[in-house]
Amino acid sequence: MNSTLLNAALSAAERGWPVFPLRPGDKRPAGHPEHNCPRTGRCADGHRIPEQRATLDADRIRACWQAPYNVGIATGPANLVVIDLDLPKDDSDTAPPEWAGLADGLDVFAVLCEHAGQRLPTETYTVRTRRGGQHLYFTAPEGRTLRSTGGTLGWKVDTRAWGGYVVAAGSTVGGTAYEIIHDVPPAPLPAWLGDLLTAQPAPAPMPLAELSARMRNATAYSTAALRGELEKVLSAREGGRNRAVYFAAYALARMIRNGDLTEGAVTSELTSAGESIGLPAGECRTAIRSGLVRGGALEASAA
């Protein structure tokens, strides 16, 4: 086992992909977490994350993999963008409405390609994960620093780039090995995928005078409160956007109850803000309804 994992680490390094150890039989990085960092040794100048510890040095790799560590590839330093096509975890893990009828990440990715008018980019280095998903490896585009994402492209489609890592082929998790299923050099990341993964600047907040003109009979206080909640939604980061819309609706429910704002106006403005940062309209409406019900502006049956 040790020789297999050592060879996996050396093989990845020979391809120019810096590696670091993962816990034996696990996907989590070996070593201490930041909150337990002793600030000594390699961390004397501050905690070093796996991305910083990853190496191409064959001697260091041989010294480290005397133990049966799995192998992590630091995708950012490796100049890689890896598309992670996952499978549902169990029968209750079903596709959201916008992806209804699709079985897994590969299905979603195929639909994305079809909508973009592109072929499925499978002619690249590919690894089968332990649960039967796939990792498609691509070289990162020049001049862009792409970050890892979770669900930005769609249900069960994640990406690993800067700030992330993948489990290398040859590693074993839960008794099942990650296996190379297409051993060719990684292809360049398709330009259309790079465009989808490039973070767009948040839309500028609407001028208060313009918002006031759209809010008939609203007070200056309620209009300013609405604008404040819209700014929170517009500045929400990936992974917290749905919650931002929900909490904005919850915060504004009181003003709907008091008659300072109307349900229609709040719903319209929050939906527009949510869609402008990438949330589907249906997801916006659900979050808004839930927040308004929680805040007492709507009866539960209305949601």
C-alpha atoms as a PDB file:
ATOM      1  CA  MET A   1       0.000   0.000   0.000  1.00  0.00           C
ATOM      2  CA  ASN A   2       2.781   2.440   0.905  1.00  0.00           C
ATOM      3  CA  SER A   3       4.564   1.853  -2.418  1.00  0.00           C
ATOM      4  CA  THR A   4       1.309   2.365  -4.336  1.00  0.00           C
ATOM      5  CA  LEU A   5       0.627   5.655  -2.604  1.00  0.00           C
ATOM      6  CA  LEU A   6       4.248   6.779  -2.911  1.00  0.00           C
ATOM      7  CA  ASN A   7       4.150   6.056  -6.619  1.00  0.00           C
ATOM      8  CA  ALA A   8       0.859   7.960  -6.915  1.00  0.00           C
ATOM      9  CA  ALA A   9       2.431  10.988  -5.232  1.00  0.00           C
ATOM     10  CA  LEU A  10       5.576  10.829  -7.372  1.00  0.00           C
ATOM     11  CA  SER A  11       3.515  10.346 -10.538  1.00  0.00           C
ATOM     12  CA  ALA A  12       1.434  13.434  -9.814  1.00  0.00           C
ATOM     13  CA  ALA A  13       4.563  15.464  -9.042  1.00  0.00           C
ATOM     14  CA  GLU A  14       6.173  14.336 -12.302  1.00  0.00           C
ATOM     15  CA  ARG A  15       3.187  15.829 -14.110  1.00  0.00           C
ATOM     16  CA  GLY A  16       3.923  19.138 -12.378  1.00  0.00           C
ATOM     17  CA  TRP A  17       1.138  18.841  -9.819  1.00  0.00           C
ATOM     18  CA  PRO A  18       2.253  19.706  -6.244  1.00  0.00           C
ATOM     19  CA  VAL A  19       1.087  17.124  -3.706  1.00  0.00           C
ATOM     20  CA  PHE A  20       0.502  16.976   0.038  1.00  0.00           C
ATOM     21  CA  PRO A  21      -0.540  14.124   2.362  1.00  0.00           C
ATOM     22  CA  LEU A  22      -4.133  13.255   3.179  1.00  0.00           C
ATOM     23  CA  ARG A  23      -5.095  11.136   6.164  1.00  0.00           C
ATOM     24  CA  PRO A  24      -4.759   7.396   5.526  1.00  0.00           C
ATOM     25  CA  GLY A  25      -7.926   6.068   3.922  1.00  0.00           C
ATOM     26  CA  ASP A  26      -9.504   9.542   4.056  1.00  0.00           C
ATOM     27  CA  LYS A  27      -9.999  12.690   1.963  1.00  0.00           C
ATOM     28  CA  ARG A  28      -9.059  15.141   4.710  1.00  0.00           C
ATOM     29  CA  PRO A  29      -5.590  16.730   4.861  1.00  0.00           C
ATOM     30  CA  ALA A  30      -3.107  15.229   7.279  1.00  0.00           C
ATOM     31  CA  GLY A  31      -1.594  17.465   9.918  1.00  0.00           C
ATOM     32  CA  HIS A  32      -3.071  19.928  12.356  1.00  0.00           C
ATOM     33  CA  PRO A  33      -5.934  22.368  11.675  1.00  0.00           C
ATOM     34  CA  GLU A  34      -5.334  26.099  11.946  1.00  0.00           C
ATOM     35  CA  HIS A  35      -7.073  26.433  15.320  1.00  0.00           C
ATOM     36  CA  ASN A  36      -4.611  23.914  16.804  1.00  0.00           C
ATOM     37  CA  CYS A  37      -1.524  25.270  15.061  1.00  0.00           C
ATOM     38  CA  PRO A  38       1.522  25.222  17.421  1.00  0.00           C
ATOM     39  CA  ARG A  39       3.191  28.031  15.407  1.00  0.00           C
ATOM     40  CA  THR A  40       6.443  26.061  15.427  1.00  0.00           C
ATOM     41  CA  GLY A  41       8.439  24.157  12.823  1.00  0.00           C
ATOM     42  CA  ARG A  42       7.003  24.660   9.344  1.00  0.00           C
ATOM     43  CA  CYS A  43       4.363  26.981  10.853  1.00  0.00           C
ATOM     44  CA  ALA A  44       6.815  29.200  12.756  1.00  0.00           C
ATOM     45  CA  ASP A  45       5.847  32.159  10.564  1.00  0.00           C
ATOM     46  CA  GLY A  46       2.133  31.345  10.613  1.00  0.00           C
ATOM     47  CA  HIS A  47      -0.097  28.370   9.884  1.00  0.00           C
ATOM     48  CA  ARG A  48       0.626  26.786   6.503  1.00  0.00           C
ATOM     49  CA  ILE A  49      -2.401  25.452   4.692  1.00  0.00           C
ATOM     50  CA  PRO A  50      -2.127  22.340   2.483  1.00  0.00           C
ATOM     51  CA  GLU A  51      -1.970  24.513  -0.638  1.00  0.00           C
ATOM     52  CA  GLN A  52       1.189  26.106   0.770  1.00  0.00           C
ATOM     53  CA  ARG A  53       2.695  22.807   1.916  1.00  0.00           C
ATOM     54  CA  ALA A  54       2.230  21.005  -1.411  1.00  0.00           C
ATOM     55  CA  THR A  55       5.503  20.078  -3.069  1.00  0.00           C
ATOM     56  CA  LEU A  56       7.078  18.721  -6.250  1.00  0.00           C
ATOM     57  CA  ASP A  57      10.298  17.733  -4.449  1.00  0.00           C
ATOM     58  CA  ALA A  58      10.816  13.990  -4.926  1.00  0.00           C
ATOM     59  CA  ASP A  59      13.024  13.622  -1.824  1.00  0.00           C
ATOM     60  CA  ARG A  60      10.435  15.298   0.402  1.00  0.00           C
ATOM     61  CA  ILE A  61       7.722  13.146  -1.123  1.00  0.00           C
ATOM     62  CA  ARG A  62       9.681   9.943  -0.484  1.00  0.00           C
ATOM     63  CA  ALA A  63      10.320  10.981   3.117  1.00  0.00           C
ATOM     64  CA  CYS A  64       6.668  11.832   3.724  1.00  0.00           C
ATOM     65  CA  TRP A  65       5.120   8.774   2.111  1.00  0.00           C
ATOM     66  CA  GLN A  66       6.879   6.319   4.373  1.00  0.00           C
ATOM     67  CA  ALA A  67       3.436   6.355   6.007  1.00  0.00           C
ATOM     68  CA  PRO A  68       0.294   5.259   4.105  1.00  0.00           C
ATOM     69  CA  TYR A  69      -0.987   8.754   3.394  1.00  0.00           C
ATOM     70  CA  ASN A  70      -3.468   9.318   0.609  1.00  0.00           C
ATOM     71  CA  VAL A  71      -2.406  11.907  -1.960  1.00  0.00           C
ATOM     72  CA  GLY A  72      -3.874  15.370  -2.372  1.00  0.00           C
ATOM     73  CA  ILE A  73      -3.173  17.546  -5.410  1.00  0.00           C
ATOM     74  CA  ALA A  74      -3.205  21.303  -4.773  1.00  0.00           C
ATOM     75  CA  THR A  75      -5.126  22.342  -7.883  1.00  0.00           C
ATOM     76  CA  GLY A  76      -4.273  26.066  -7.813  1.00  0.00           C
ATOM     77  CA  PRO A  77      -0.481  25.661  -7.698  1.00  0.00           C
ATOM     78  CA  ALA A  78      -0.830  22.797 -10.194  1.00  0.00           C
ATOM     79  CA  ASN A  79      -2.400  25.230 -12.696  1.00  0.00           C
ATOM     80  CA  LEU A  80      -5.448  22.970 -12.837  1.00  0.00           C
ATOM     81  CA  VAL A  81      -9.195  23.419 -12.870  1.00  0.00           C
ATOM     82  CA  VAL A  82     -10.904  20.131 -12.049  1.00  0.00           C
ATOM     83  CA  ILE A  83     -14.597  19.647 -12.782  1.00  0.00           C
ATOM     84  CA  ASP A  84     -16.025  17.384 -10.057  1.00  0.00           C
ATOM     85  CA  LEU A  85     -19.086  15.487 -11.300  1.00  0.00           C
ATOM     86  CA  ASP A  86     -20.656  13.909  -8.237  1.00  0.00           C
ATOM     87  CA  LEU A  87     -23.453  11.417  -7.541  1.00  0.00           C
ATOM     88  CA  PRO A  88     -26.384  11.786  -5.120  1.00  0.00           C
ATOM     89  CA  LYS A  89     -25.498  10.668  -1.621  1.00  0.00           C
ATOM     90  CA  ASP A  90     -28.743   8.721  -1.101  1.00  0.00           C
ATOM     91  CA  ASP A  91     -32.321   8.424  -2.334  1.00  0.00           C
ATOM     92  CA  SER A  92     -33.316  11.662  -0.600  1.00  0.00           C
ATOM     93  CA  ASP A  93     -30.616  13.628  -2.424  1.00  0.00           C
ATOM     94  CA  THR A  94     -32.646  14.616  -5.492  1.00  0.00           C
ATOM     95  CA  ALA A  95     -32.180  17.331  -8.089  1.00  0.00           C
ATOM     96  CA  PRO A  96     -33.704  20.769  -7.396  1.00  0.00           C
ATOM     97  CA  PRO A  97     -36.539  21.914  -9.682  1.00  0.00           C
ATOM     98  CA  GLU A  98     -34.290  23.578 -12.256  1.00  0.00           C
ATOM     99  CA  TRP A  99     -32.477  20.251 -12.767  1.00  0.00           C
ATOM    100  CA  ALA A 100     -35.493  17.962 -12.273  1.00  0.00           C
ATOM    101  CA  GLY A 101     -35.219  14.582 -13.957  1.00  0.00           C
ATOM    102  CA  LEU A 102     -31.418  14.540 -14.055  1.00  0.00           C
ATOM    103  CA  ALA A 103     -29.618  11.779 -12.213  1.00  0.00           C
ATOM    104  CA  ASP A 104     -26.214  13.215 -11.296  1.00  0.00           C
ATOM    105  CA  GLY A 105     -23.485  15.727 -12.001  1.00  0.00           C
ATOM    106  CA  LEU A 106     -22.582  14.170 -15.347  1.00  0.00           C
ATOM    107  CA  ASP A 107     -26.171  14.646 -16.549  1.00  0.00           C
ATOM    108  CA  VAL A 108     -26.158  18.274 -15.387  1.00  0.00           C
ATOM    109  CA  PHE A 109     -22.804  18.930 -17.051  1.00  0.00           C
ATOM    110  CA  ALA A 110     -24.054  17.409 -20.298  1.00  0.00           C
ATOM    111  CA  VAL A 111     -27.067  19.745 -20.252  1.00  0.00           C
ATOM    112  CA  LEU A 112     -24.789  22.730 -19.578  1.00  0.00           C
ATOM    113  CA  CYS A 113     -22.692  21.787 -22.594  1.00  0.00           C
ATOM    114  CA  GLU A 114     -25.794  21.383 -24.755  1.00  0.00           C
ATOM    115  CA  HIS A 115     -27.112  24.800 -23.724  1.00  0.00           C
ATOM    116  CA  ALA A 116     -23.719  26.314 -24.556  1.00  0.00           C
ATOM    117  CA  GLY A 117     -23.737  24.602 -27.944  1.00  0.00           C
ATOM    118  CA  GLN A 118     -20.564  22.702 -27.023  1.00  0.00           C
ATOM    119  CA  ARG A 119     -19.502  19.076 -27.022  1.00  0.00           C
ATOM    120  CA  LEU A 120     -18.981  17.327 -23.703  1.00  0.00           C
ATOM    121  CA  PRO A 121     -15.239  17.925 -23.089  1.00  0.00           C
ATOM    122  CA  THR A 122     -14.274  14.387 -22.133  1.00  0.00           C
ATOM    123  CA  GLU A 123     -10.992  14.213 -24.096  1.00  0.00           C
ATOM    124  CA  THR A 124      -8.911  15.103 -21.073  1.00  0.00           C
ATOM    125  CA  TYR A 125      -7.256  13.460 -18.069  1.00  0.00           C
ATOM    126  CA  THR A 126     -10.086  11.855 -16.108  1.00  0.00           C
ATOM    127  CA  VAL A 127     -10.264  10.080 -12.752  1.00  0.00           C
ATOM    128  CA  ARG A 128     -13.122   7.956 -11.423  1.00  0.00           C
ATOM    129  CA  THR A 129     -13.855   8.815  -7.794  1.00  0.00           C
ATOM    130  CA  ARG A 130     -14.547   6.226  -5.132  1.00  0.00           C
ATOM    131  CA  ARG A 131     -18.353   6.672  -5.421  1.00  0.00           C
ATOM    132  CA  GLY A 132     -18.367   6.480  -9.213  1.00  0.00           C
ATOM    133  CA  GLY A 133     -18.253  10.177 -10.012  1.00  0.00           C
ATOM    134  CA  GLN A 134     -15.652  11.746 -12.263  1.00  0.00           C
ATOM    135  CA  HIS A 135     -12.914  14.355 -12.013  1.00  0.00           C
ATOM    136  CA  LEU A 136     -12.204  16.053 -15.352  1.00  0.00           C
ATOM    137  CA  TYR A 137      -8.796  17.769 -15.251  1.00  0.00           C
ATOM    138  CA  PHE A 138      -8.137  20.916 -17.330  1.00  0.00           C
ATOM    139  CA  THR A 139      -5.277  23.382 -17.451  1.00  0.00           C
ATOM    140  CA  ALA A 140      -6.269  26.768 -16.061  1.00  0.00           C
ATOM    141  CA  PRO A 141      -6.644  29.692 -18.468  1.00  0.00           C
ATOM    142  CA  GLU A 142      -3.833  32.223 -18.589  1.00  0.00           C
ATOM    143  CA  GLY A 143      -4.422  35.568 -16.961  1.00  0.00           C
ATOM    144  CA  ARG A 144      -7.254  34.382 -14.702  1.00  0.00           C
ATOM    145  CA  THR A 145      -7.210  33.200 -11.112  1.00  0.00           C
ATOM    146  CA  LEU A 146     -10.179  30.882 -10.807  1.00  0.00           C
ATOM    147  CA  ARG A 147     -11.342  29.846  -7.343  1.00  0.00           C
ATOM    148  CA  SER A 148     -12.905  26.550  -6.297  1.00  0.00           C
ATOM    149  CA  THR A 149     -16.695  26.570  -6.479  1.00  0.00           C
ATOM    150  CA  GLY A 150     -19.554  24.520  -5.085  1.00  0.00           C
ATOM    151  CA  GLY A 151     -22.641  24.269  -7.280  1.00  0.00           C
ATOM    152  CA  THR A 152     -21.941  27.408  -9.313  1.00  0.00           C
ATOM    153  CA  LEU A 153     -22.264  25.466 -12.570  1.00  0.00           C
ATOM    154  CA  GLY A 154     -25.164  23.333 -11.364  1.00  0.00           C
ATOM    155  CA  TRP A 155     -26.361  20.558  -9.101  1.00  0.00           C
ATOM    156  CA  LYS A 156     -23.610  18.062  -8.246  1.00  0.00           C
ATOM    157  CA  VAL A 157     -21.081  19.982 -10.361  1.00  0.00           C
ATOM    158  CA  ASP A 158     -18.262  21.510  -8.316  1.00  0.00           C
ATOM    159  CA  THR A 159     -14.879  22.819  -9.374  1.00  0.00           C
ATOM    160  CA  ARG A 160     -11.482  22.655  -7.745  1.00  0.00           C
ATOM    161  CA  ALA A 161      -8.948  25.379  -8.513  1.00  0.00           C
ATOM    162  CA  TRP A 162      -7.260  27.919  -6.204  1.00  0.00           C
ATOM    163  CA  GLY A 163      -8.306  27.318  -2.621  1.00  0.00           C
ATOM    164  CA  GLY A 164      -9.049  23.642  -3.236  1.00  0.00           C
ATOM    165  CA  TYR A 165      -7.598  20.228  -3.920  1.00  0.00           C
ATOM    166  CA  VAL A 166      -8.515  16.830  -5.328  1.00  0.00           C
ATOM    167  CA  VAL A 167      -7.743  13.307  -4.212  1.00  0.00           C
ATOM    168  CA  ALA A 168      -5.177  11.877  -6.618  1.00  0.00           C
ATOM    169  CA  ALA A 169      -5.611   8.643  -8.526  1.00  0.00           C
ATOM    170  CA  GLY A 170      -4.120   5.746  -6.551  1.00  0.00           C
ATOM    171  CA  SER A 171      -5.540   6.959  -3.246  1.00  0.00           C
ATOM    172  CA  THR A 172      -8.092   4.770  -1.481  1.00  0.00           C
ATOM    173  CA  VAL A 173     -11.092   6.018   0.501  1.00  0.00           C
ATOM    174  CA  GLY A 174     -13.583   3.674   2.127  1.00  0.00           C
ATOM    175  CA  GLY A 175     -11.801   0.705   0.593  1.00  0.00           C
ATOM    176  CA  THR A 176     -12.273   1.982  -2.979  1.00  0.00           C
ATOM    177  CA  ALA A 177      -9.497   3.467  -5.085  1.00  0.00           C
ATOM    178  CA  TYR A 178      -9.556   6.584  -7.230  1.00  0.00           C
ATOM    179  CA  GLU A 179      -8.693   5.326 -10.723  1.00  0.00           C
ATOM    180  CA  ILE A 180      -7.446   6.950 -13.920  1.00  0.00           C
ATOM    181  CA  ILE A 181      -9.999   6.221 -16.654  1.00  0.00           C
ATOM    182  CA  HIS A 182      -8.530   8.451 -19.381  1.00  0.00           C
ATOM    183  CA  ASP A 183      -4.763   8.925 -19.162  1.00  0.00           C
ATOM    184  CA  VAL A 184      -4.008  11.835 -21.475  1.00  0.00           C
ATOM    185  CA  PRO A 185      -2.605  15.305 -20.753  1.00  0.00           C
ATOM    186  CA  PRO A 186      -5.209  17.709 -19.361  1.00  0.00           C
ATOM    187  CA  ALA A 187      -6.883  19.761 -22.076  1.00  0.00           C
ATOM    188  CA  PRO A 188      -7.157  23.549 -21.748  1.00  0.00           C
ATOM    189  CA  LEU A 189     -10.285  24.613 -19.879  1.00  0.00           C
ATOM    190  CA  PRO A 190     -12.927  25.460 -22.501  1.00  0.00           C
ATOM    191  CA  ALA A 191     -13.321  29.222 -22.773  1.00  0.00           C
ATOM    192  CA  TRP A 192     -17.067  29.103 -22.162  1.00  0.00           C
ATOM    193  CA  LEU A 193     -16.493  27.278 -18.873  1.00  0.00           C
ATOM    194  CA  GLY A 194     -13.866  29.808 -17.850  1.00  0.00           C
ATOM    195  CA  ASP A 195     -16.377  32.579 -18.510  1.00  0.00           C
ATOM    196  CA  LEU A 196     -19.005  30.878 -16.330  1.00  0.00           C
ATOM    197  CA  LEU A 197     -16.481  30.443 -13.518  1.00  0.00           C
ATOM    198  CA  THR A 198     -15.152  33.997 -13.611  1.00  0.00           C
ATOM    199  CA  ALA A 199     -16.629  35.943 -10.728  1.00  0.00           C
ATOM    200  CA  GLN A 200     -18.692  38.896 -11.863  1.00  0.00           C
ATOM    201  CA  PRO A 201     -18.636  42.154  -9.868  1.00  0.00           C
ATOM    202  CA  ALA A 202     -21.692  42.722  -7.718  1.00  0.00           C
ATOM    203  CA  PRO A 203     -24.248  45.048  -9.307  1.00  0.00           C
ATOM    204  CA  ALA A 204     -24.139  48.618  -8.030  1.00  0.00           C
ATOM    205  CA  PRO A 205     -26.818  49.448  -5.457  1.00  0.00           C
ATOM    206  CA  MET A 206     -29.807  51.290  -6.882  1.00  0.00           C
ATOM    207  CA  PRO A 207     -29.742  55.037  -6.125  1.00  0.00           C
ATOM    208  CA  LEU A 208     -32.063  55.827  -3.250  1.00  0.00           C
ATOM    209  CA  ALA A 209     -33.963  58.417  -5.308  1.00  0.00           C
ATOM    210  CA  GLU A 210     -34.675  55.854  -8.033  1.00  0.00           C
ATOM    211  CA  LEU A 211     -35.797  53.248  -5.524  1.00  0.00           C
ATOM    212  CA  SER A 212     -38.024  55.819  -3.802  1.00  0.00           C
ATOM    213  CA  ALA A 213     -39.684  56.612  -7.112  1.00  0.00           C
ATOM    214  CA  ARG A 214     -40.579  52.958  -7.519  1.00  0.00           C
ATOM    215  CA  MET A 215     -41.934  52.586  -3.982  1.00  0.00           C
ATOM    216  CA  ARG A 216     -45.317  54.264  -4.062  1.00  0.00           C
ATOM    217  CA  ASN A 217     -46.549  55.477  -0.673  1.00  0.00           C
ATOM    218  CA  ALA A 218     -43.411  54.163   1.061  1.00  0.00           C
ATOM    219  CA  THR A 219     -41.818  56.291   3.748  1.00  0.00           C
ATOM    220  CA  ALA A 220     -38.256  57.504   3.503  1.00  0.00           C
ATOM    221  CA  TYR A 221     -37.369  55.209   6.412  1.00  0.00           C
ATOM    222  CA  SER A 222     -38.878  52.092   4.832  1.00  0.00           C
ATOM    223  CA  THR A 223     -37.303  52.858   1.457  1.00  0.00           C
ATOM    224  CA  ALA A 224     -33.885  53.228   3.086  1.00  0.00           C
ATOM    225  CA  ALA A 225     -34.433  49.967   4.980  1.00  0.00           C
ATOM    226  CA  LEU A 226     -35.319  48.195   1.734  1.00  0.00           C
ATOM    227  CA  ARG A 227     -32.224  49.554   0.038  1.00  0.00           C
ATOM    228  CA  GLY A 228     -30.096  48.387   2.953  1.00  0.00           C
ATOM    229  CA  GLU A 229     -31.426  44.837   2.642  1.00  0.00           C
ATOM    230  CA  LEU A 230     -30.934  44.896  -1.136  1.00  0.00           C
ATOM    231  CA  GLU A 231     -27.299  45.882  -0.630  1.00  0.00           C
ATOM    232  CA  LYS A 232     -26.828  42.909   1.690  1.00  0.00           C
ATOM    233  CA  VAL A 233     -28.219  40.591  -0.981  1.00  0.00           C
ATOM    234  CA  LEU A 234     -26.076  42.129  -3.727  1.00  0.00           C
ATOM    235  CA  SER A 235     -22.916  41.703  -1.648  1.00  0.00           C
ATOM    236  CA  ALA A 236     -23.695  38.126  -0.551  1.00  0.00           C
ATOM    237  CA  ARG A 237     -20.997  35.608  -1.333  1.00  0.00           C
ATOM    238  CA  GLU A 238     -21.450  32.282  -3.039  1.00  0.00           C
ATOM    239  CA  GLY A 239     -22.989  29.756  -0.667  1.00  0.00           C
ATOM    240  CA  GLY A 240     -24.781  32.442   1.335  1.00  0.00           C
ATOM    241  CA  ARG A 241     -26.914  34.062  -1.352  1.00  0.00           C
ATOM    242  CA  ASN A 242     -30.089  32.122  -0.670  1.00  0.00           C
ATOM    243  CA  ARG A 243     -29.778  32.873   3.047  1.00  0.00           C
ATOM    244  CA  ALA A 244     -29.225  36.560   2.304  1.00  0.00           C
ATOM    245  CA  VAL A 245     -32.496  36.756   0.361  1.00  0.00           C
ATOM    246  CA  TYR A 246     -34.317  34.850   3.101  1.00  0.00           C
ATOM    247  CA  PHE A 247     -33.039  37.102   5.904  1.00  0.00           C
ATOM    248  CA  ALA A 248     -33.752  40.233   3.870  1.00  0.00           C
ATOM    249  CA  ALA A 249     -37.370  39.133   3.449  1.00  0.00           C
ATOM    250  CA  TYR A 250     -37.573  38.279   7.129  1.00  0.00           C
ATOM    251  CA  ALA A 251     -36.214  41.723   8.096  1.00  0.00           C
ATOM    252  CA  LEU A 252     -38.669  43.519   5.806  1.00  0.00           C
ATOM    253  CA  ALA A 253     -41.704  41.521   6.893  1.00  0.00           C
ATOM    254  CA  ARG A 254     -42.283  43.907   9.781  1.00  0.00           C
ATOM    255  CA  MET A 255     -42.667  46.828   7.390  1.00  0.00           C
ATOM    256  CA  ILE A 256     -45.154  44.883   5.324  1.00  0.00           C
ATOM    257  CA  ARG A 257     -47.134  44.142   8.480  1.00  0.00           C
ATOM    258  CA  ASN A 258     -47.080  47.850   9.373  1.00  0.00           C
ATOM    259  CA  GLY A 259     -48.162  48.903   5.891  1.00  0.00           C
ATOM    260  CA  ASP A 260     -44.930  50.767   5.112  1.00  0.00           C
ATOM    261  CA  LEU A 261     -44.077  48.449   2.214  1.00  0.00           C
ATOM    262  CA  THR A 262     -46.159  46.112   0.092  1.00  0.00           C
ATOM    263  CA  GLU A 263     -45.550  42.411  -0.317  1.00  0.00           C
ATOM    264  CA  GLY A 264     -45.434  42.853  -4.085  1.00  0.00           C
ATOM    265  CA  ALA A 265     -42.790  45.571  -3.955  1.00  0.00           C
ATOM    266  CA  VAL A 266     -40.564  43.641  -1.555  1.00  0.00           C
ATOM    267  CA  THR A 267     -40.915  40.427  -3.554  1.00  0.00           C
ATOM    268  CA  SER A 268     -40.170  42.173  -6.840  1.00  0.00           C
ATOM    269  CA  GLU A 269     -37.086  44.029  -5.604  1.00  0.00           C
ATOM    270  CA  LEU A 270     -35.610  41.060  -3.722  1.00  0.00           C
ATOM    271  CA  THR A 271     -36.214  38.753  -6.689  1.00  0.00           C
ATOM    272  CA  SER A 272     -34.418  41.169  -9.018  1.00  0.00           C
ATOM    273  CA  ALA A 273     -31.506  41.450  -6.593  1.00  0.00           C
ATOM    274  CA  GLY A 274     -31.308  37.684  -6.127  1.00  0.00           C
ATOM    275  CA  GLU A 275     -31.374  36.985  -9.851  1.00  0.00           C
ATOM    276  CA  SER A 276     -28.681  39.610 -10.473  1.00  0.00           C
ATOM    277  CA  ILE A 277     -26.243  37.625  -8.294  1.00  0.00           C
ATOM    278  CA  GLY A 278     -27.051  34.315  -9.953  1.00  0.00           C
ATOM    279  CA  LEU A 279     -29.944  32.798  -7.995  1.00  0.00           C
ATOM    280  CA  PRO A 280     -32.716  31.185 -10.089  1.00  0.00           C
ATOM    281  CA  ALA A 281     -36.050  33.004  -9.914  1.00  0.00           C
ATOM    282  CA  GLY A 282     -37.758  30.004  -8.321  1.00  0.00           C
ATOM    283  CA  GLU A 283     -35.136  29.810  -5.589  1.00  0.00           C
ATOM    284  CA  CYS A 284     -35.555  33.542  -4.929  1.00  0.00           C
ATOM    285  CA  ARG A 285     -39.328  33.243  -4.618  1.00  0.00           C
ATOM    286  CA  THR A 286     -39.059  30.310  -2.222  1.00  0.00           C
ATOM    287  CA  ALA A 287     -36.552  32.124   0.008  1.00  0.00           C
ATOM    288  CA  ILE A 288     -38.647  35.309   0.003  1.00  0.00           C
ATOM    289  CA  ARG A 289     -41.876  33.506   0.839  1.00  0.00           C
ATOM    290  CA  SER A 290     -40.183  31.610   3.652  1.00  0.00           C
ATOM    291  CA  GLY A 291     -38.737  34.823   5.090  1.00  0.00           C
ATOM    292  CA  LEU A 292     -42.070  36.665   4.891  1.00  0.00           C
ATOM    293  CA  VAL A 293     -43.886  33.776   6.586  1.00  0.00           C
ATOM    294  CA  ARG A 294     -41.278  33.611   9.323  1.00  0.00           C
ATOM    295  CA  GLY A 295     -41.558  37.366   9.793  1.00  0.00           C
ATOM    296  CA  GLY A 296     -45.335  37.231  10.069  1.00  0.00           C
ATOM    297  CA  ALA A 297     -46.095  39.098   6.843  1.00  0.00           C
ATOM    298  CA  LEU A 298     -47.769  36.057   5.264  1.00  0.00           C
ATOM    299  CA  GLU A 299     -49.734  33.113   6.496  1.00  0.00           C
ATOM    300  CA  ALA A 300     -47.893  29.815   6.268  1.00  0.00           C
ATOM    301  CA  SER A 301     -50.509  28.491   3.833  1.00  0.00           C
ATOM    302  CA  ALA A 302     -49.665  31.304   1.432  1.00  0.00           C
ATOM    303  CA  ALA A 303     -46.125  30.020   1.054  1.00  0.00           C
END
